[in-house]
Amino acid sequence: AVVSTQSTGIASNHPLHHDTVFTFLKQLFQRSHEHLQELEQIEIRKMVIDRMVHLLCVGHAIPVIQYMRACLDNETADKSLIRHFAAEVMEVTTSPYSNDFIEEFLPIAKNPDITASLRNINESDSISQFIEYCKDWAGDGRKRG
């Protein structure tokens, strides 16, 4: 909890330290906690993801999304953690989305292993709305952002 509070304060108040905080969070995320049970390890990683989402909110969005996308592409993180990340990102963001955001986040949003359980049948959920926004973005021949 102390690490969480400190990383949030540093990220919010010291933009020049975003890279340092992000490097620290990636190290925490990747660290093995063999003395803990699997569910406890996942909870720790969820907490780290929450701090990464905060970092995303204070201006370090693209590096954070690129990292989580690499975790998905390289299968270096449990899919439930990527799902948690996607849900949190959709909770704190709204359109219009930058071109870079769309380019990096769309593959996560479109991955059924990650987002199927976050979507509903009438497509009124934030993931479906994001994907629809991206169709409009690509469909009208111009990039928004």
N, C-alpha and C. Protein backbone atom coordinates (compact mmCIF):
# COMPACT_ATOMS: atom_id res chain seq x y z
N ALA A 1 0.82 -1.19 0.00
CA ALA A 1 0.00 0.00 0.00
C ALA A 1 0.87 1.25 0.00
N VAL A 2 1.99 1.22 0.71
CA VAL A 2 2.89 2.37 0.73
C VAL A 2 3.46 2.62 -0.66
N VAL A 3 3.87 1.54 -1.34
CA VAL A 3 4.40 1.67 -2.69
C VAL A 3 3.34 2.28 -3.60
N SER A 4 2.12 1.83 -3.46
CA SER A 4 1.02 2.32 -4.26
C SER A 4 0.83 3.82 -4.07
N THR A 5 0.81 4.27 -2.85
CA THR A 5 0.61 5.68 -2.53
C THR A 5 1.78 6.52 -3.03
N GLN A 6 2.99 6.04 -2.81
CA GLN A 6 4.16 6.80 -3.24
C GLN A 6 4.23 6.90 -4.75
N SER A 7 3.98 5.81 -5.47
CA SER A 7 4.07 5.87 -6.93
C SER A 7 2.99 6.77 -7.51
N THR A 8 1.80 6.76 -6.89
CA THR A 8 0.73 7.63 -7.35
C THR A 8 1.09 9.09 -7.15
N GLY A 9 1.61 9.43 -5.97
CA GLY A 9 2.00 10.81 -5.68
C GLY A 9 3.10 11.30 -6.59
N ILE A 10 4.10 10.49 -6.80
CA ILE A 10 5.21 10.87 -7.67
C ILE A 10 4.72 11.04 -9.09
N ALA A 11 3.92 10.11 -9.59
CA ALA A 11 3.41 10.19 -10.96
C ALA A 11 2.54 11.42 -11.15
N SER A 12 1.72 11.74 -10.18
CA SER A 12 0.81 12.89 -10.29
C SER A 12 1.54 14.22 -10.22
N ASN A 13 2.51 14.32 -9.34
CA ASN A 13 3.14 15.60 -9.05
C ASN A 13 4.47 15.85 -9.76
N HIS A 14 5.04 14.82 -10.36
CA HIS A 14 6.36 14.97 -10.96
C HIS A 14 6.40 14.31 -12.35
N PRO A 15 5.85 14.97 -13.36
CA PRO A 15 5.78 14.37 -14.70
C PRO A 15 7.13 13.93 -15.26
N LEU A 16 8.20 14.59 -14.85
CA LEU A 16 9.51 14.20 -15.37
C LEU A 16 9.97 12.85 -14.84
N HIS A 17 9.28 12.35 -13.83
CA HIS A 17 9.64 11.05 -13.24
C HIS A 17 8.75 9.91 -13.74
N HIS A 18 7.89 10.18 -14.73
CA HIS A 18 7.01 9.13 -15.24
C HIS A 18 7.78 7.89 -15.69
N ASP A 19 8.87 8.09 -16.43
CA ASP A 19 9.65 6.94 -16.90
C ASP A 19 10.21 6.13 -15.73
N THR A 20 10.69 6.80 -14.71
CA THR A 20 11.26 6.11 -13.54
C THR A 20 10.17 5.32 -12.81
N VAL A 21 9.03 5.96 -12.60
CA VAL A 21 7.93 5.27 -11.93
C VAL A 21 7.47 4.08 -12.76
N PHE A 22 7.38 4.27 -14.06
CA PHE A 22 6.93 3.18 -14.94
C PHE A 22 7.92 2.01 -14.91
N THR A 23 9.18 2.30 -14.94
CA THR A 23 10.20 1.24 -14.86
C THR A 23 10.05 0.47 -13.55
N PHE A 24 9.85 1.19 -12.47
CA PHE A 24 9.65 0.56 -11.16
C PHE A 24 8.40 -0.33 -11.16
N LEU A 25 7.30 0.18 -11.72
CA LEU A 25 6.06 -0.60 -11.77
C LEU A 25 6.22 -1.85 -12.63
N LYS A 26 6.92 -1.74 -13.74
CA LYS A 26 7.16 -2.93 -14.58
C LYS A 26 7.97 -3.97 -13.82
N GLN A 27 8.95 -3.53 -13.06
CA GLN A 27 9.75 -4.47 -12.27
C GLN A 27 8.88 -5.16 -11.22
N LEU A 28 8.00 -4.41 -10.57
CA LEU A 28 7.09 -5.02 -9.60
C LEU A 28 6.15 -6.02 -10.27
N PHE A 29 5.66 -5.65 -11.43
CA PHE A 29 4.73 -6.51 -12.16
C PHE A 29 5.39 -7.83 -12.56
N GLN A 30 6.63 -7.76 -12.96
CA GLN A 30 7.35 -8.94 -13.46
C GLN A 30 7.94 -9.79 -12.34
N ARG A 31 8.08 -9.22 -11.17
CA ARG A 31 8.73 -9.91 -10.06
C ARG A 31 7.93 -11.14 -9.65
N SER A 32 8.65 -12.21 -9.40
CA SER A 32 8.03 -13.43 -8.92
C SER A 32 7.95 -13.38 -7.40
N HIS A 33 6.81 -13.71 -6.89
CA HIS A 33 6.59 -13.75 -5.44
C HIS A 33 6.30 -15.21 -5.07
N GLU A 34 7.32 -16.03 -5.16
CA GLU A 34 7.15 -17.47 -4.98
C GLU A 34 6.65 -17.86 -3.60
N HIS A 35 6.87 -17.02 -2.62
CA HIS A 35 6.42 -17.32 -1.26
C HIS A 35 4.91 -17.09 -1.09
N LEU A 36 4.28 -16.50 -2.10
CA LEU A 36 2.84 -16.23 -2.04
C LEU A 36 2.07 -17.22 -2.90
N GLN A 37 0.81 -17.42 -2.55
CA GLN A 37 -0.05 -18.26 -3.38
C GLN A 37 -0.37 -17.53 -4.67
N GLU A 38 -0.79 -18.29 -5.68
CA GLU A 38 -1.06 -17.73 -7.01
C GLU A 38 -2.08 -16.59 -6.95
N LEU A 39 -3.17 -16.75 -6.21
CA LEU A 39 -4.17 -15.70 -6.12
C LEU A 39 -3.62 -14.43 -5.46
N GLU A 40 -2.76 -14.58 -4.51
CA GLU A 40 -2.14 -13.42 -3.87
C GLU A 40 -1.22 -12.70 -4.84
N GLN A 41 -0.51 -13.47 -5.66
CA GLN A 41 0.36 -12.86 -6.67
C GLN A 41 -0.45 -12.08 -7.69
N ILE A 42 -1.58 -12.64 -8.09
CA ILE A 42 -2.45 -11.95 -9.06
C ILE A 42 -2.99 -10.65 -8.45
N GLU A 43 -3.36 -10.69 -7.18
CA GLU A 43 -3.86 -9.47 -6.52
C GLU A 43 -2.79 -8.39 -6.47
N ILE A 44 -1.56 -8.76 -6.21
CA ILE A 44 -0.45 -7.80 -6.21
C ILE A 44 -0.29 -7.20 -7.60
N ARG A 45 -0.34 -8.05 -8.62
CA ARG A 45 -0.19 -7.56 -9.99
C ARG A 45 -1.36 -6.66 -10.39
N LYS A 46 -2.56 -6.96 -9.91
CA LYS A 46 -3.71 -6.08 -10.18
C LYS A 46 -3.47 -4.70 -9.57
N MET A 47 -2.92 -4.68 -8.37
CA MET A 47 -2.62 -3.40 -7.72
C MET A 47 -1.60 -2.62 -8.56
N VAL A 48 -0.60 -3.32 -9.08
CA VAL A 48 0.39 -2.66 -9.93
C VAL A 48 -0.27 -2.14 -11.20
N ILE A 49 -1.16 -2.92 -11.78
CA ILE A 49 -1.89 -2.47 -12.97
C ILE A 49 -2.69 -1.21 -12.65
N ASP A 50 -3.31 -1.17 -11.50
CA ASP A 50 -4.06 0.03 -11.11
C ASP A 50 -3.15 1.26 -11.06
N ARG A 51 -1.92 1.09 -10.59
CA ARG A 51 -0.96 2.19 -10.56
C ARG A 51 -0.54 2.55 -11.99
N MET A 52 -0.41 1.55 -12.87
CA MET A 52 -0.08 1.83 -14.27
C MET A 52 -1.21 2.61 -14.94
N VAL A 53 -2.45 2.26 -14.61
CA VAL A 53 -3.59 2.99 -15.17
C VAL A 53 -3.58 4.43 -14.66
N HIS A 54 -3.21 4.64 -13.42
CA HIS A 54 -3.07 6.01 -12.93
C HIS A 54 -2.00 6.75 -13.74
N LEU A 55 -0.90 6.09 -13.99
CA LEU A 55 0.17 6.69 -14.80
C LEU A 55 -0.35 7.03 -16.20
N LEU A 56 -1.16 6.16 -16.75
CA LEU A 56 -1.81 6.42 -18.04
C LEU A 56 -2.65 7.70 -17.94
N CYS A 57 -3.37 7.87 -16.86
CA CYS A 57 -4.25 9.03 -16.68
C CYS A 57 -3.50 10.35 -16.54
N VAL A 58 -2.27 10.29 -16.08
CA VAL A 58 -1.52 11.53 -15.88
C VAL A 58 -0.53 11.80 -17.01
N GLY A 59 -0.75 11.15 -18.16
CA GLY A 59 0.01 11.53 -19.35
C GLY A 59 1.00 10.53 -19.89
N HIS A 60 1.05 9.35 -19.33
CA HIS A 60 2.03 8.34 -19.80
C HIS A 60 1.29 7.17 -20.46
N ALA A 61 0.25 7.50 -21.23
CA ALA A 61 -0.67 6.49 -21.75
C ALA A 61 -0.03 5.51 -22.72
N ILE A 62 0.61 6.01 -23.74
CA ILE A 62 1.09 5.12 -24.81
C ILE A 62 2.12 4.12 -24.30
N PRO A 63 3.13 4.53 -23.52
CA PRO A 63 4.07 3.50 -23.01
C PRO A 63 3.38 2.43 -22.17
N VAL A 64 2.41 2.82 -21.37
CA VAL A 64 1.70 1.85 -20.52
C VAL A 64 0.92 0.87 -21.40
N ILE A 65 0.19 1.38 -22.37
CA ILE A 65 -0.59 0.50 -23.26
C ILE A 65 0.35 -0.39 -24.06
N GLN A 66 1.44 0.16 -24.56
CA GLN A 66 2.40 -0.65 -25.32
C GLN A 66 2.95 -1.79 -24.46
N TYR A 67 3.24 -1.52 -23.21
CA TYR A 67 3.76 -2.56 -22.32
C TYR A 67 2.73 -3.67 -22.11
N MET A 68 1.49 -3.28 -21.81
CA MET A 68 0.46 -4.30 -21.57
C MET A 68 0.14 -5.06 -22.85
N ARG A 69 0.21 -4.40 -23.98
CA ARG A 69 0.00 -5.09 -25.25
C ARG A 69 1.12 -6.11 -25.49
N ALA A 70 2.35 -5.73 -25.16
CA ALA A 70 3.48 -6.66 -25.29
C ALA A 70 3.30 -7.85 -24.35
N CYS A 71 2.78 -7.61 -23.16
CA CYS A 71 2.50 -8.72 -22.23
C CYS A 71 1.48 -9.67 -22.85
N LEU A 72 0.49 -9.12 -23.53
CA LEU A 72 -0.51 -9.95 -24.20
C LEU A 72 0.11 -10.70 -25.38
N ASP A 73 0.79 -9.97 -26.23
CA ASP A 73 1.37 -10.57 -27.43
C ASP A 73 2.39 -11.65 -27.11
N ASN A 74 3.18 -11.43 -26.07
CA ASN A 74 4.23 -12.38 -25.69
C ASN A 74 3.78 -13.40 -24.66
N GLU A 75 2.50 -13.29 -24.25
CA GLU A 75 1.93 -14.19 -23.26
C GLU A 75 2.75 -14.25 -21.97
N THR A 76 3.17 -13.06 -21.51
CA THR A 76 3.97 -12.99 -20.28
C THR A 76 3.14 -12.58 -19.07
N ALA A 77 1.83 -12.43 -19.26
CA ALA A 77 0.95 -12.10 -18.14
C ALA A 77 -0.34 -12.90 -18.27
N ASP A 78 -0.90 -13.24 -17.15
CA ASP A 78 -2.17 -13.94 -17.12
C ASP A 78 -3.23 -13.10 -17.83
N LYS A 79 -4.07 -13.74 -18.62
CA LYS A 79 -5.09 -13.02 -19.39
C LYS A 79 -6.06 -12.28 -18.48
N SER A 80 -6.28 -12.78 -17.29
CA SER A 80 -7.17 -12.08 -16.36
C SER A 80 -6.59 -10.72 -15.98
N LEU A 81 -5.27 -10.62 -15.95
CA LEU A 81 -4.64 -9.33 -15.65
C LEU A 81 -4.78 -8.35 -16.81
N ILE A 82 -4.65 -8.84 -18.02
CA ILE A 82 -4.84 -7.99 -19.20
C ILE A 82 -6.31 -7.55 -19.26
N ARG A 83 -7.21 -8.46 -18.92
CA ARG A 83 -8.64 -8.13 -18.87
C ARG A 83 -8.90 -7.03 -17.84
N HIS A 84 -8.28 -7.15 -16.69
CA HIS A 84 -8.41 -6.12 -15.65
C HIS A 84 -7.90 -4.78 -16.17
N PHE A 85 -6.77 -4.81 -16.85
CA PHE A 85 -6.22 -3.59 -17.43
C PHE A 85 -7.20 -2.97 -18.43
N ALA A 86 -7.73 -3.78 -19.34
CA ALA A 86 -8.65 -3.27 -20.35
C ALA A 86 -9.88 -2.65 -19.71
N ALA A 87 -10.43 -3.31 -18.70
CA ALA A 87 -11.61 -2.79 -18.02
C ALA A 87 -11.31 -1.46 -17.33
N GLU A 88 -10.17 -1.39 -16.68
CA GLU A 88 -9.79 -0.15 -15.99
C GLU A 88 -9.55 0.99 -16.98
N VAL A 89 -8.91 0.69 -18.09
CA VAL A 89 -8.65 1.72 -19.11
C VAL A 89 -9.97 2.26 -19.65
N MET A 90 -10.90 1.36 -19.94
CA MET A 90 -12.19 1.81 -20.48
C MET A 90 -12.98 2.61 -19.45
N GLU A 91 -12.73 2.35 -18.18
CA GLU A 91 -13.42 3.09 -17.12
C GLU A 91 -12.92 4.53 -17.01
N VAL A 92 -11.65 4.76 -17.33
CA VAL A 92 -11.07 6.09 -17.12
C VAL A 92 -10.87 6.89 -18.40
N THR A 93 -11.22 6.32 -19.55
CA THR A 93 -11.03 7.05 -20.81
C THR A 93 -12.36 7.24 -21.52
N THR A 94 -12.36 8.18 -22.45
CA THR A 94 -13.53 8.43 -23.28
C THR A 94 -13.07 9.04 -24.60
N SER A 95 -13.94 9.01 -25.59
CA SER A 95 -13.59 9.60 -26.87
C SER A 95 -13.59 11.13 -26.74
N PRO A 96 -12.88 11.81 -27.60
CA PRO A 96 -12.12 11.27 -28.72
C PRO A 96 -10.79 10.66 -28.26
N TYR A 97 -10.40 9.61 -28.94
CA TYR A 97 -9.15 8.92 -28.65
C TYR A 97 -8.10 9.35 -29.66
N SER A 98 -6.86 9.43 -29.23
CA SER A 98 -5.78 9.79 -30.15
C SER A 98 -5.51 8.63 -31.10
N ASN A 99 -4.90 8.94 -32.22
CA ASN A 99 -4.52 7.91 -33.19
C ASN A 99 -3.63 6.84 -32.54
N ASP A 100 -2.66 7.30 -31.74
CA ASP A 100 -1.75 6.36 -31.09
C ASP A 100 -2.48 5.46 -30.09
N PHE A 101 -3.42 6.04 -29.35
CA PHE A 101 -4.20 5.26 -28.39
C PHE A 101 -4.97 4.16 -29.13
N ILE A 102 -5.65 4.53 -30.21
CA ILE A 102 -6.42 3.55 -30.98
C ILE A 102 -5.50 2.46 -31.52
N GLU A 103 -4.41 2.87 -32.09
CA GLU A 103 -3.48 1.91 -32.68
C GLU A 103 -2.96 0.90 -31.66
N GLU A 104 -2.69 1.36 -30.45
CA GLU A 104 -2.13 0.48 -29.43
C GLU A 104 -3.18 -0.31 -28.65
N PHE A 105 -4.32 0.31 -28.37
CA PHE A 105 -5.31 -0.35 -27.51
C PHE A 105 -6.29 -1.23 -28.29
N LEU A 106 -6.56 -0.92 -29.55
CA LEU A 106 -7.54 -1.68 -30.32
C LEU A 106 -7.24 -3.19 -30.35
N PRO A 107 -5.99 -3.62 -30.55
CA PRO A 107 -5.74 -5.07 -30.54
C PRO A 107 -6.10 -5.74 -29.20
N ILE A 108 -5.95 -5.02 -28.11
CA ILE A 108 -6.35 -5.56 -26.81
C ILE A 108 -7.87 -5.64 -26.76
N ALA A 109 -8.54 -4.56 -27.16
CA ALA A 109 -10.00 -4.50 -27.10
C ALA A 109 -10.65 -5.54 -28.00
N LYS A 110 -10.05 -5.84 -29.13
CA LYS A 110 -10.64 -6.78 -30.09
C LYS A 110 -10.33 -8.23 -29.78
N ASN A 111 -9.46 -8.48 -28.82
CA ASN A 111 -9.06 -9.85 -28.49
C ASN A 111 -10.18 -10.51 -27.66
N PRO A 112 -10.86 -11.51 -28.23
CA PRO A 112 -11.98 -12.12 -27.50
C PRO A 112 -11.57 -12.82 -26.21
N ASP A 113 -10.33 -13.31 -26.14
CA ASP A 113 -9.87 -13.94 -24.90
C ASP A 113 -9.78 -12.93 -23.76
N ILE A 114 -9.62 -11.68 -24.11
CA ILE A 114 -9.47 -10.63 -23.11
C ILE A 114 -10.80 -9.97 -22.80
N THR A 115 -11.54 -9.60 -23.84
CA THR A 115 -12.69 -8.71 -23.61
C THR A 115 -14.07 -9.35 -23.76
N ALA A 116 -14.15 -10.61 -24.16
CA ALA A 116 -15.48 -11.23 -24.35
C ALA A 116 -16.33 -11.12 -23.10
N SER A 117 -15.75 -11.36 -21.96
CA SER A 117 -16.52 -11.31 -20.71
C SER A 117 -16.85 -9.88 -20.26
N LEU A 118 -16.23 -8.90 -20.90
CA LEU A 118 -16.50 -7.50 -20.57
C LEU A 118 -17.60 -6.90 -21.44
N ARG A 119 -18.01 -7.66 -22.46
CA ARG A 119 -18.98 -7.15 -23.42
C ARG A 119 -20.36 -7.72 -23.13
N ASN A 120 -21.40 -6.99 -23.58
CA ASN A 120 -22.75 -7.50 -23.42
C ASN A 120 -23.43 -7.64 -24.78
N ILE A 121 -24.53 -8.32 -24.80
CA ILE A 121 -25.21 -8.71 -26.03
C ILE A 121 -25.68 -7.50 -26.86
N ASN A 122 -26.11 -6.44 -26.19
CA ASN A 122 -26.60 -5.28 -26.94
C ASN A 122 -25.50 -4.27 -27.27
N GLU A 123 -24.27 -4.63 -26.95
CA GLU A 123 -23.09 -3.83 -27.28
C GLU A 123 -23.13 -2.42 -26.71
N SER A 124 -23.71 -2.29 -25.53
CA SER A 124 -23.75 -0.99 -24.88
C SER A 124 -22.59 -0.80 -23.90
N ASP A 125 -21.72 -1.78 -23.82
CA ASP A 125 -20.57 -1.72 -22.92
C ASP A 125 -19.47 -0.84 -23.52
N SER A 126 -18.53 -0.43 -22.69
CA SER A 126 -17.48 0.49 -23.13
C SER A 126 -16.53 -0.12 -24.16
N ILE A 127 -16.25 -1.41 -24.07
CA ILE A 127 -15.38 -2.06 -25.05
C ILE A 127 -16.04 -2.03 -26.43
N SER A 128 -17.30 -2.42 -26.50
CA SER A 128 -18.03 -2.41 -27.78
C SER A 128 -18.12 -1.00 -28.34
N GLN A 129 -18.36 -0.03 -27.48
CA GLN A 129 -18.44 1.36 -27.93
C GLN A 129 -17.10 1.84 -28.45
N PHE A 130 -16.01 1.44 -27.79
CA PHE A 130 -14.67 1.79 -28.27
C PHE A 130 -14.41 1.18 -29.65
N ILE A 131 -14.74 -0.09 -29.81
CA ILE A 131 -14.53 -0.75 -31.10
C ILE A 131 -15.38 -0.08 -32.18
N GLU A 132 -16.60 0.27 -31.86
CA GLU A 132 -17.47 0.97 -32.82
C GLU A 132 -16.87 2.33 -33.18
N TYR A 133 -16.37 3.04 -32.21
CA TYR A 133 -15.71 4.32 -32.45
C TYR A 133 -14.55 4.13 -33.43
N CYS A 134 -13.80 3.06 -33.22
CA CYS A 134 -12.65 2.79 -34.08
C CYS A 134 -13.08 2.45 -35.51
N LYS A 135 -14.23 1.79 -35.66
CA LYS A 135 -14.76 1.52 -37.01
C LYS A 135 -15.08 2.83 -37.69
N ASP A 136 -15.71 3.75 -36.98
CA ASP A 136 -16.00 5.07 -37.53
C ASP A 136 -14.70 5.79 -37.89
N TRP A 137 -13.74 5.66 -37.02
CA TRP A 137 -12.43 6.30 -37.19
C TRP A 137 -11.77 5.82 -38.48
N ALA A 138 -11.80 4.52 -38.71
CA ALA A 138 -11.20 3.96 -39.92
C ALA A 138 -12.10 4.11 -41.12
N GLY A 139 -13.41 4.05 -40.88
CA GLY A 139 -14.37 4.03 -41.98
C GLY A 139 -14.52 5.35 -42.70
N ASP A 140 -14.26 6.47 -42.05
CA ASP A 140 -14.46 7.74 -42.75
C ASP A 140 -13.20 8.25 -43.42
N GLY A 141 -12.15 7.42 -43.42
CA GLY A 141 -10.93 7.75 -44.15
C GLY A 141 -10.04 8.77 -43.49
N ARG A 142 -10.34 9.17 -42.29
CA ARG A 142 -9.47 10.12 -41.62
C ARG A 142 -9.27 9.67 -40.18
N LYS A 143 -8.13 10.02 -39.68
CA LYS A 143 -7.82 9.66 -38.30
C LYS A 143 -8.19 10.81 -37.40
N ARG A 144 -8.84 10.48 -36.32
CA ARG A 144 -9.20 11.49 -35.34
C ARG A 144 -8.10 11.59 -34.30
N GLY A 145 -8.03 12.68 -33.63
CA GLY A 145 -7.09 12.80 -32.52
C GLY A 145 -6.28 13.97 -32.67
